[in-house]
N, C-alpha and C. Protein backbone atom coordinates (compact mmCIF):
# COMPACT_ATOMS: atom_id res chain seq x y z
N UNK A 1 84.10 136.70 109.89
CA UNK A 1 84.67 136.86 108.58
C UNK A 1 85.86 135.92 108.37
N UNK A 2 86.73 135.81 109.42
CA UNK A 2 87.92 134.97 109.30
C UNK A 2 87.57 133.52 109.02
N UNK A 3 86.50 133.05 109.69
CA UNK A 3 86.07 131.67 109.49
C UNK A 3 85.57 131.44 108.07
N UNK A 4 84.79 132.37 107.56
CA UNK A 4 84.24 132.25 106.22
C UNK A 4 85.36 132.24 105.18
N UNK A 5 86.32 133.14 105.33
CA UNK A 5 87.43 133.21 104.38
C UNK A 5 88.27 131.93 104.47
N UNK A 6 88.55 131.45 105.67
CA UNK A 6 89.32 130.22 105.83
C UNK A 6 88.63 129.03 105.20
N UNK A 7 87.34 128.88 105.47
CA UNK A 7 86.58 127.78 104.87
C UNK A 7 86.55 127.89 103.35
N UNK A 8 86.25 129.09 102.87
CA UNK A 8 86.14 129.31 101.43
C UNK A 8 87.45 129.10 100.71
N UNK A 9 88.54 129.59 101.29
CA UNK A 9 89.84 129.43 100.64
C UNK A 9 90.28 127.97 100.62
N UNK A 10 90.08 127.26 101.71
CA UNK A 10 90.45 125.84 101.74
C UNK A 10 89.63 125.06 100.72
N UNK A 11 88.35 125.35 100.63
CA UNK A 11 87.50 124.67 99.65
C UNK A 11 87.95 125.02 98.23
N UNK A 12 88.25 126.28 97.98
CA UNK A 12 88.70 126.70 96.65
C UNK A 12 90.02 126.02 96.27
N UNK A 13 90.97 125.97 97.20
CA UNK A 13 92.24 125.31 96.92
C UNK A 13 92.02 123.83 96.66
N UNK A 14 91.18 123.20 97.45
CA UNK A 14 90.92 121.77 97.28
C UNK A 14 90.22 121.47 95.96
N UNK A 15 89.25 122.27 95.60
CA UNK A 15 88.54 122.07 94.33
C UNK A 15 89.52 122.32 93.16
N UNK A 16 90.29 123.39 93.25
CA UNK A 16 91.29 123.67 92.22
C UNK A 16 92.26 122.50 92.08
N UNK A 17 92.76 122.00 93.21
CA UNK A 17 93.71 120.87 93.18
C UNK A 17 93.08 119.65 92.52
N UNK A 18 91.80 119.43 92.77
CA UNK A 18 91.10 118.29 92.13
C UNK A 18 90.92 118.52 90.64
N UNK A 19 90.55 119.73 90.27
CA UNK A 19 90.30 120.02 88.85
C UNK A 19 91.55 119.88 87.99
N UNK A 20 92.70 120.28 88.53
CA UNK A 20 93.93 120.20 87.74
C UNK A 20 94.73 118.93 88.03
N UNK A 21 94.28 118.14 88.99
CA UNK A 21 94.92 116.85 89.26
C UNK A 21 96.05 116.87 90.28
N UNK A 22 96.24 117.99 90.96
CA UNK A 22 97.31 118.06 91.95
C UNK A 22 97.09 117.09 93.11
N UNK A 23 95.84 116.87 93.47
CA UNK A 23 95.56 116.03 94.64
C UNK A 23 95.55 114.54 94.34
N UNK A 24 95.83 114.16 93.11
CA UNK A 24 95.94 112.73 92.79
C UNK A 24 97.23 112.15 93.36
N UNK A 25 98.17 113.02 93.60
CA UNK A 25 99.43 112.59 94.21
C UNK A 25 99.25 112.59 95.73
N UNK A 26 99.71 111.56 96.38
CA UNK A 26 99.58 111.44 97.83
C UNK A 26 100.31 112.55 98.58
N UNK A 27 101.22 113.25 97.92
CA UNK A 27 102.04 114.26 98.59
C UNK A 27 101.34 115.61 98.73
N UNK A 28 100.25 115.84 98.02
CA UNK A 28 99.64 117.18 98.02
C UNK A 28 99.22 117.63 99.42
N UNK A 29 98.33 116.90 100.07
CA UNK A 29 97.84 117.32 101.38
C UNK A 29 98.91 117.27 102.47
N UNK A 30 99.83 116.29 102.46
CA UNK A 30 100.94 116.36 103.42
C UNK A 30 101.79 117.62 103.23
N UNK A 31 102.03 118.02 101.99
CA UNK A 31 102.78 119.24 101.75
C UNK A 31 102.03 120.46 102.28
N UNK A 32 100.74 120.51 102.04
CA UNK A 32 99.91 121.59 102.58
C UNK A 32 100.02 121.62 104.10
N UNK A 33 99.98 120.46 104.74
CA UNK A 33 100.05 120.40 106.19
C UNK A 33 101.39 120.91 106.72
N UNK A 34 102.48 120.57 106.05
CA UNK A 34 103.80 121.05 106.47
C UNK A 34 103.86 122.58 106.38
N UNK A 35 103.33 123.13 105.31
CA UNK A 35 103.32 124.59 105.15
C UNK A 35 102.46 125.23 106.24
N UNK A 36 101.27 124.66 106.47
CA UNK A 36 100.38 125.19 107.51
C UNK A 36 101.09 125.21 108.85
N UNK A 37 101.76 124.11 109.20
CA UNK A 37 102.43 124.03 110.50
C UNK A 37 103.54 125.06 110.64
N UNK A 38 104.17 125.43 109.54
CA UNK A 38 105.32 126.33 109.61
C UNK A 38 104.96 127.80 109.82
N UNK A 39 103.73 128.18 109.59
CA UNK A 39 103.38 129.60 109.69
C UNK A 39 103.62 130.19 111.07
N UNK A 40 103.39 129.42 112.13
CA UNK A 40 103.60 129.97 113.46
C UNK A 40 105.07 130.31 113.71
N UNK A 41 106.00 129.58 113.08
CA UNK A 41 107.42 129.95 113.19
C UNK A 41 107.66 131.29 112.51
N UNK A 42 107.06 131.48 111.34
CA UNK A 42 107.17 132.77 110.65
C UNK A 42 106.67 133.90 111.55
N UNK A 43 105.54 133.68 112.20
CA UNK A 43 104.99 134.72 113.06
C UNK A 43 105.90 134.98 114.27
N UNK A 44 106.57 133.95 114.78
CA UNK A 44 107.50 134.15 115.89
C UNK A 44 108.68 135.01 115.44
N UNK A 45 109.15 134.79 114.22
CA UNK A 45 110.23 135.61 113.68
C UNK A 45 109.75 137.04 113.49
N UNK A 46 108.56 137.21 112.94
CA UNK A 46 107.99 138.55 112.77
C UNK A 46 107.87 139.25 114.13
N UNK A 47 107.45 138.50 115.16
CA UNK A 47 107.31 139.06 116.50
C UNK A 47 108.63 139.25 117.22
N UNK A 48 109.71 138.71 116.65
CA UNK A 48 111.03 138.88 117.23
C UNK A 48 111.26 138.11 118.52
N UNK A 49 110.58 136.97 118.67
CA UNK A 49 110.70 136.22 119.91
C UNK A 49 111.35 134.86 119.69
N UNK A 50 112.55 134.71 120.21
CA UNK A 50 113.23 133.42 120.13
C UNK A 50 112.50 132.38 120.98
N UNK A 51 111.98 132.79 122.13
CA UNK A 51 111.24 131.87 122.99
C UNK A 51 110.01 131.34 122.27
N UNK A 52 109.26 132.22 121.62
CA UNK A 52 108.08 131.77 120.86
C UNK A 52 108.51 130.85 119.74
N UNK A 53 109.60 131.16 119.08
CA UNK A 53 110.10 130.30 117.99
C UNK A 53 110.43 128.91 118.50
N UNK A 54 111.06 128.82 119.65
CA UNK A 54 111.39 127.51 120.22
C UNK A 54 110.15 126.71 120.58
N UNK A 55 109.18 127.36 121.22
CA UNK A 55 107.93 126.67 121.59
C UNK A 55 107.16 126.27 120.34
N UNK A 56 107.07 127.17 119.38
CA UNK A 56 106.38 126.86 118.13
C UNK A 56 107.07 125.71 117.39
N UNK A 57 108.39 125.66 117.46
CA UNK A 57 109.14 124.61 116.78
C UNK A 57 108.81 123.23 117.32
N UNK A 58 108.52 123.13 118.60
CA UNK A 58 108.12 121.85 119.19
C UNK A 58 106.79 121.41 118.59
N UNK A 59 105.84 122.32 118.52
CA UNK A 59 104.54 121.98 117.93
C UNK A 59 104.69 121.66 116.44
N UNK A 60 105.49 122.44 115.74
CA UNK A 60 105.72 122.20 114.31
C UNK A 60 106.30 120.81 114.11
N UNK A 61 107.29 120.46 114.92
CA UNK A 61 107.92 119.13 114.80
C UNK A 61 106.90 118.02 115.01
N UNK A 62 106.01 118.19 115.97
CA UNK A 62 104.98 117.17 116.23
C UNK A 62 104.04 117.03 115.03
N UNK A 63 103.58 118.15 114.49
CA UNK A 63 102.67 118.09 113.34
C UNK A 63 103.36 117.55 112.09
N UNK A 64 104.59 117.97 111.87
CA UNK A 64 105.33 117.48 110.70
C UNK A 64 105.63 115.99 110.87
N UNK A 65 105.99 115.57 112.08
CA UNK A 65 106.23 114.14 112.32
C UNK A 65 105.00 113.29 112.03
N UNK A 66 103.84 113.71 112.54
CA UNK A 66 102.60 112.99 112.28
C UNK A 66 102.29 112.97 110.79
N UNK A 67 102.55 114.08 110.13
CA UNK A 67 102.30 114.18 108.69
C UNK A 67 103.20 113.24 107.90
N UNK A 68 104.47 113.16 108.26
CA UNK A 68 105.39 112.27 107.56
C UNK A 68 104.97 110.82 107.74
N UNK A 69 104.62 110.44 108.97
CA UNK A 69 104.15 109.07 109.20
C UNK A 69 102.88 108.81 108.39
N UNK A 70 101.99 109.78 108.36
CA UNK A 70 100.77 109.64 107.56
C UNK A 70 101.06 109.48 106.09
N UNK A 71 101.99 110.27 105.58
CA UNK A 71 102.35 110.17 104.16
C UNK A 71 102.96 108.80 103.86
N UNK A 72 103.81 108.33 104.74
CA UNK A 72 104.49 107.05 104.51
C UNK A 72 103.57 105.84 104.70
N UNK A 73 102.57 105.97 105.60
CA UNK A 73 101.79 104.80 105.97
C UNK A 73 100.30 104.88 105.65
N UNK A 74 99.66 105.99 106.04
CA UNK A 74 98.20 106.04 105.93
C UNK A 74 97.76 107.50 105.96
N UNK A 75 97.15 107.97 104.87
CA UNK A 75 96.77 109.39 104.77
C UNK A 75 95.69 109.80 105.77
N UNK A 76 95.03 108.85 106.42
CA UNK A 76 94.08 109.23 107.46
C UNK A 76 94.80 109.93 108.61
N UNK A 77 96.09 109.65 108.79
CA UNK A 77 96.86 110.37 109.80
C UNK A 77 97.08 111.83 109.40
N UNK A 78 97.11 112.10 108.11
CA UNK A 78 97.22 113.49 107.64
C UNK A 78 95.90 114.21 107.88
N UNK A 79 94.78 113.51 107.68
CA UNK A 79 93.48 114.08 108.04
C UNK A 79 93.49 114.44 109.53
N UNK A 80 93.99 113.52 110.35
CA UNK A 80 94.06 113.77 111.80
C UNK A 80 94.98 114.96 112.11
N UNK A 81 96.11 115.05 111.41
CA UNK A 81 97.04 116.16 111.64
C UNK A 81 96.39 117.50 111.30
N UNK A 82 95.69 117.55 110.17
CA UNK A 82 95.01 118.79 109.78
C UNK A 82 93.95 119.17 110.80
N UNK A 83 93.12 118.20 111.21
CA UNK A 83 92.07 118.48 112.19
C UNK A 83 92.68 118.88 113.54
N UNK A 84 93.74 118.18 113.94
CA UNK A 84 94.40 118.50 115.21
C UNK A 84 95.02 119.89 115.18
N UNK A 85 95.53 120.29 114.03
CA UNK A 85 96.08 121.64 113.93
C UNK A 85 94.97 122.68 114.06
N UNK A 86 93.79 122.37 113.56
CA UNK A 86 92.65 123.26 113.77
C UNK A 86 92.33 123.41 115.25
N UNK A 87 92.39 122.32 115.99
CA UNK A 87 92.18 122.38 117.45
C UNK A 87 93.30 123.18 118.10
N UNK A 88 94.53 122.96 117.65
CA UNK A 88 95.68 123.73 118.14
C UNK A 88 95.46 125.22 117.91
N UNK A 89 94.96 125.59 116.74
CA UNK A 89 94.68 127.00 116.46
C UNK A 89 93.72 127.58 117.48
N UNK A 90 92.70 126.80 117.85
CA UNK A 90 91.70 127.26 118.80
C UNK A 90 92.33 127.60 120.15
N UNK A 91 93.27 126.77 120.59
CA UNK A 91 93.89 126.95 121.89
C UNK A 91 95.22 127.69 121.84
N UNK A 92 95.72 128.00 120.67
CA UNK A 92 97.07 128.53 120.50
C UNK A 92 97.37 129.70 121.42
N UNK A 93 96.52 130.69 121.46
CA UNK A 93 96.76 131.88 122.26
C UNK A 93 96.84 131.60 123.76
N UNK A 94 96.31 130.47 124.21
CA UNK A 94 96.38 130.10 125.62
C UNK A 94 97.61 129.24 125.92
N UNK A 95 98.27 128.77 124.86
CA UNK A 95 99.42 127.88 125.03
C UNK A 95 100.73 128.61 124.77
N UNK A 96 100.74 129.46 123.75
CA UNK A 96 101.98 130.11 123.31
C UNK A 96 101.78 131.62 123.26
N UNK A 97 102.74 132.35 123.77
CA UNK A 97 102.74 133.81 123.62
C UNK A 97 103.59 134.10 122.39
N UNK A 98 102.93 134.52 121.32
CA UNK A 98 103.61 134.80 120.05
C UNK A 98 103.02 136.09 119.50
N UNK A 99 103.67 137.20 119.78
CA UNK A 99 103.16 138.51 119.40
C UNK A 99 103.11 138.75 117.89
N UNK A 100 103.76 137.90 117.11
CA UNK A 100 103.74 138.06 115.66
C UNK A 100 102.49 137.51 114.99
N UNK A 101 101.68 136.75 115.74
CA UNK A 101 100.47 136.15 115.17
C UNK A 101 99.41 137.24 114.99
N UNK A 102 98.93 137.43 113.75
CA UNK A 102 97.83 138.39 113.56
C UNK A 102 96.60 137.96 114.37
N UNK A 103 95.85 138.91 114.85
CA UNK A 103 94.68 138.64 115.69
C UNK A 103 93.70 137.70 115.01
N UNK A 104 93.55 137.82 113.70
CA UNK A 104 92.57 137.04 112.95
C UNK A 104 93.08 135.66 112.54
N UNK A 105 94.39 135.42 112.65
CA UNK A 105 94.98 134.18 112.12
C UNK A 105 94.43 132.90 112.73
N UNK A 106 94.35 132.76 114.06
CA UNK A 106 93.88 131.48 114.61
C UNK A 106 92.49 131.07 114.10
N UNK A 107 91.58 132.02 113.95
CA UNK A 107 90.24 131.69 113.46
C UNK A 107 90.29 131.29 111.98
N UNK A 108 91.05 132.05 111.20
CA UNK A 108 91.21 131.73 109.78
C UNK A 108 91.83 130.35 109.61
N UNK A 109 92.93 130.11 110.32
CA UNK A 109 93.66 128.85 110.16
C UNK A 109 92.84 127.66 110.66
N UNK A 110 92.12 127.84 111.76
CA UNK A 110 91.24 126.78 112.26
C UNK A 110 90.25 126.38 111.18
N UNK A 111 89.60 127.35 110.58
CA UNK A 111 88.61 127.05 109.53
C UNK A 111 89.27 126.40 108.32
N UNK A 112 90.42 126.90 107.92
CA UNK A 112 91.13 126.33 106.78
C UNK A 112 91.50 124.87 107.06
N UNK A 113 92.08 124.64 108.24
CA UNK A 113 92.53 123.29 108.59
C UNK A 113 91.39 122.28 108.61
N UNK A 114 90.29 122.66 109.21
CA UNK A 114 89.15 121.74 109.31
C UNK A 114 88.58 121.45 107.92
N UNK A 115 88.47 122.47 107.09
CA UNK A 115 87.96 122.25 105.73
C UNK A 115 88.93 121.40 104.91
N UNK A 116 90.22 121.66 105.03
CA UNK A 116 91.21 120.85 104.30
C UNK A 116 91.14 119.40 104.77
N UNK A 117 91.00 119.18 106.07
CA UNK A 117 90.86 117.82 106.60
C UNK A 117 89.61 117.15 106.03
N UNK A 118 88.52 117.90 105.96
CA UNK A 118 87.28 117.35 105.42
C UNK A 118 87.42 117.01 103.94
N UNK A 119 88.10 117.86 103.20
CA UNK A 119 88.28 117.60 101.76
C UNK A 119 89.15 116.37 101.54
N UNK A 120 90.23 116.23 102.29
CA UNK A 120 91.07 115.03 102.16
C UNK A 120 90.30 113.79 102.58
N UNK A 121 89.53 113.88 103.65
CA UNK A 121 88.71 112.73 104.09
C UNK A 121 87.73 112.33 102.99
N UNK A 122 87.13 113.31 102.35
CA UNK A 122 86.19 113.03 101.25
C UNK A 122 86.90 112.30 100.12
N UNK A 123 88.09 112.77 99.76
CA UNK A 123 88.86 112.11 98.69
C UNK A 123 89.22 110.67 99.07
N UNK A 124 89.60 110.47 100.31
CA UNK A 124 89.95 109.12 100.76
C UNK A 124 88.74 108.20 100.78
N UNK A 125 87.60 108.70 101.24
CA UNK A 125 86.37 107.89 101.27
C UNK A 125 85.92 107.51 99.87
N UNK A 126 86.14 108.40 98.91
CA UNK A 126 85.74 108.13 97.52
C UNK A 126 86.82 107.40 96.74
N UNK A 127 87.92 107.05 97.41
CA UNK A 127 89.04 106.33 96.82
C UNK A 127 89.67 107.08 95.64
N UNK A 128 89.67 108.40 95.72
CA UNK A 128 90.29 109.22 94.67
C UNK A 128 91.77 109.41 94.91
N UNK A 129 92.20 109.13 96.13
CA UNK A 129 93.61 109.19 96.49
C UNK A 129 93.92 107.91 97.27
N UNK A 130 95.02 107.23 96.95
CA UNK A 130 95.34 106.01 97.71
C UNK A 130 95.66 106.31 99.17
N UNK A 131 95.03 105.58 100.07
CA UNK A 131 95.23 105.76 101.50
C UNK A 131 96.64 105.37 101.90
N UNK A 132 97.10 104.25 101.38
CA UNK A 132 98.40 103.68 101.78
C UNK A 132 99.44 103.92 100.70
N UNK A 133 100.68 104.07 101.14
CA UNK A 133 101.81 104.16 100.20
C UNK A 133 102.04 102.79 99.59
N UNK A 134 102.58 102.77 98.41
CA UNK A 134 102.83 101.48 97.74
C UNK A 134 104.01 100.79 98.30
């Protein structure tokens, strides 16, 4: 169920963003990626673990850093960041002990991330969003 909801929600958000023109701006998917990366910090706070927050912050910084470089230089790096975060979700429970993470979250987020990466890749392949910053 988590996978279906994650895929469906990411597709719905991406289609909505296209219909209203939000994704014509190069900042849309990088902003989504920054928000996605930050959720694990929220869960660490919910779980009351400073150690989890510190470990999560390292991962967040890496994903945000890749996203900023992608936004500034080449949006294919944002596709890579989204896909890599999906892989991170798959392994998250084996890497970080974060009791605030809902049991269903990694599966949901993995599906969302992969679908969002696919939607951005589709937009870039169809030249609907400029790959490079001006």
